[in-house]
Amino acid sequence: MWTVWVVGLVDICIGYINKFGHLPESQRGGVVPPPQLVSMEITMTPEAKVKKVVTKQLKELGAYYFYPATGGYGKSGVPDIVGCYKGFFFGFECKAGKNVATPLQEKNLKEINHAGGFDLIVNEENMNSITRVLSRWSLSKRW
């Protein structure tokens, strides 16, 4: 019961902070939080920026996609983004900077390719070409 109450209170506080940028003084006990705690700016990792650019294009294409959860019972080494576009399966491994896919990630991408899907390692150099690449690939797969 206490857990539900605390979670509910946290949800209310987060909702208020998202709307107004801070909690009202009555909820802070008169204490003004330091500016770094009030800021709503979230720092993204370079890889997260690549994923954001990719998913924006996937949304615009109307592609179905998701980020697979690999912890626990999930399969290790699966691509960061998997999905389907015009009936064809794809898997994208997102990397930033000089990072490269691990051998297990490479193995999974090859398995996707051998099964008829589209595999791609996406980085800052090719992250803006997802729309073009997926469109061309799906056209080449039509019988």
Protein backbone atom coordinates (compact mmCIF):
# COMPACT_ATOMS: atom_id res chain seq x y z
CA MET A 1 0.00 0.00 0.00
CA TRP A 2 2.79 2.43 0.86
CA THR A 3 4.51 1.67 -2.43
CA VAL A 4 1.39 2.60 -4.40
CA TRP A 5 1.03 5.84 -2.44
CA VAL A 6 4.70 6.82 -2.94
CA VAL A 7 4.61 5.96 -6.66
CA GLY A 8 1.41 8.01 -7.03
CA LEU A 9 3.01 10.97 -5.25
CA VAL A 10 6.09 10.75 -7.44
CA ASP A 11 3.88 10.67 -10.57
CA ILE A 12 2.05 13.80 -9.37
CA CYS A 13 5.34 15.61 -8.70
CA ILE A 14 6.82 14.63 -12.06
CA GLY A 15 3.64 15.74 -13.83
CA TYR A 16 3.73 19.09 -12.06
CA ILE A 17 7.43 19.57 -12.82
CA ASN A 18 6.84 18.69 -16.49
CA LYS A 19 4.06 21.28 -16.68
CA PHE A 20 5.55 24.15 -14.66
CA GLY A 21 9.29 23.38 -14.44
CA HIS A 22 9.27 23.24 -10.62
CA LEU A 23 7.23 22.21 -7.61
CA PRO A 24 5.11 24.87 -5.88
CA GLU A 25 6.67 26.36 -2.73
CA SER A 26 4.02 24.65 -0.61
CA GLN A 27 5.38 21.28 -1.80
CA ARG A 28 9.03 22.26 -1.29
CA GLY A 29 8.72 23.42 2.30
CA GLY A 30 9.88 26.88 1.20
CA VAL A 31 13.20 25.50 -0.07
CA VAL A 32 14.24 26.67 -3.52
CA PRO A 33 16.01 23.87 -5.43
CA PRO A 34 19.33 24.62 -7.13
CA PRO A 35 18.96 25.52 -10.84
CA GLN A 36 20.57 22.28 -12.02
CA LEU A 37 17.70 20.33 -10.41
CA VAL A 38 15.01 22.49 -12.00
CA SER A 39 16.37 22.33 -15.54
CA MET A 40 14.27 20.16 -17.84
CA GLU A 41 17.11 19.83 -20.38
CA ILE A 42 18.17 16.22 -20.80
CA THR A 43 21.63 15.42 -22.07
CA MET A 44 21.62 12.76 -24.79
CA THR A 45 24.46 10.39 -25.51
CA PRO A 46 25.84 10.47 -29.06
CA GLU A 47 24.24 7.05 -29.72
CA ALA A 48 20.88 8.32 -28.43
CA LYS A 49 21.10 11.18 -30.94
CA VAL A 50 21.61 8.66 -33.75
CA LYS A 51 18.59 6.65 -32.53
CA LYS A 52 16.47 9.81 -32.37
CA VAL A 53 17.29 10.73 -35.99
CA VAL A 54 16.55 7.15 -37.13
CA THR A 55 13.23 6.85 -35.28
CA LYS A 56 12.08 10.24 -36.60
CA GLN A 57 12.49 8.93 -40.15
CA LEU A 58 10.82 5.62 -39.28
CA LYS A 59 7.81 7.51 -37.88
CA GLU A 60 7.59 9.63 -41.03
CA LEU A 61 7.68 6.46 -43.17
CA GLY A 62 4.96 4.83 -41.09
CA ALA A 63 7.23 1.90 -40.30
CA TYR A 64 6.58 -0.34 -37.31
CA TYR A 65 9.60 -0.46 -34.99
CA PHE A 66 10.65 -0.97 -31.40
CA TYR A 67 13.67 -1.16 -29.12
CA PRO A 68 14.00 -4.79 -27.99
CA ALA A 69 14.60 -5.46 -24.29
CA THR A 70 17.54 -7.84 -24.09
CA GLY A 71 17.97 -8.22 -20.32
CA GLY A 72 16.80 -11.26 -18.42
CA TYR A 73 15.14 -13.64 -20.85
CA GLY A 74 15.87 -11.61 -23.99
CA LYS A 75 18.38 -12.58 -26.65
CA SER A 76 21.75 -10.85 -26.42
CA GLY A 77 23.23 -8.97 -29.35
CA VAL A 78 19.96 -8.08 -31.07
CA PRO A 79 19.97 -4.76 -32.95
CA ASP A 80 19.01 -1.54 -31.16
CA ILE A 81 15.98 -1.00 -33.40
CA VAL A 82 13.99 -3.74 -35.12
CA GLY A 83 10.89 -3.35 -37.18
CA CYS A 84 8.95 -3.83 -40.35
CA TYR A 85 8.46 -1.56 -43.35
CA LYS A 86 6.07 -2.44 -46.18
CA GLY A 87 6.09 -6.07 -45.07
CA PHE A 88 9.83 -6.43 -44.77
CA PHE A 89 11.80 -6.91 -41.57
CA PHE A 90 14.78 -4.74 -40.65
CA GLY A 91 17.31 -4.48 -37.84
CA PHE A 92 19.42 -1.39 -37.15
CA GLU A 93 22.43 -1.35 -34.85
CA CYS A 94 23.11 2.27 -33.85
CA LYS A 95 26.64 3.40 -33.13
CA ALA A 96 28.29 6.74 -32.51
CA GLY A 97 31.77 8.02 -33.13
CA LYS A 98 34.29 5.28 -33.79
CA ASN A 99 32.25 2.59 -32.01
CA VAL A 100 31.75 -0.62 -33.96
CA ALA A 101 29.37 -3.54 -33.62
CA THR A 102 30.45 -6.38 -31.36
CA PRO A 103 30.97 -9.84 -32.89
CA LEU A 104 27.63 -10.95 -31.38
CA GLN A 105 25.84 -7.93 -32.87
CA GLU A 106 27.47 -8.65 -36.25
CA LYS A 107 26.31 -12.28 -36.00
CA ASN A 108 22.71 -11.21 -35.33
CA LEU A 109 22.76 -8.74 -38.21
CA LYS A 110 24.02 -11.47 -40.55
CA GLU A 111 21.24 -13.81 -39.35
CA ILE A 112 18.67 -11.12 -40.16
CA ASN A 113 20.18 -10.73 -43.63
CA HIS A 114 20.27 -14.49 -44.27
CA ALA A 115 16.61 -14.72 -43.27
CA GLY A 116 15.71 -12.11 -45.91
CA GLY A 117 15.62 -9.05 -43.66
CA PHE A 118 17.51 -5.80 -44.00
CA ASP A 119 20.42 -5.16 -41.64
CA LEU A 120 22.33 -1.93 -41.19
CA ILE A 121 24.83 -0.39 -38.82
CA VAL A 122 23.76 3.23 -38.47
CA ASN A 123 26.09 6.03 -37.37
CA GLU A 124 26.40 9.79 -37.78
CA GLU A 125 27.54 9.38 -41.39
CA ASN A 126 24.47 7.48 -42.65
CA MET A 127 21.80 8.26 -40.04
CA ASN A 128 20.01 10.75 -42.32
CA SER A 129 19.64 8.24 -45.17
CA ILE A 130 17.23 5.77 -43.50
CA THR A 131 14.23 6.94 -45.53
CA ARG A 132 16.09 6.59 -48.84
CA VAL A 133 17.73 3.27 -47.94
CA LEU A 134 14.55 1.60 -46.63
CA SER A 135 12.49 2.84 -49.59
CA ARG A 136 14.98 1.50 -52.13
CA TRP A 137 15.38 -1.78 -50.26
CA SER A 138 11.62 -2.39 -50.02
CA LEU A 139 11.19 -1.68 -53.75
CA SER A 140 13.95 -4.14 -54.65
CA LYS A 141 12.23 -6.86 -52.59
CA ARG A 142 8.85 -6.70 -54.38
CA TRP A 143 8.18 -9.70 -56.56
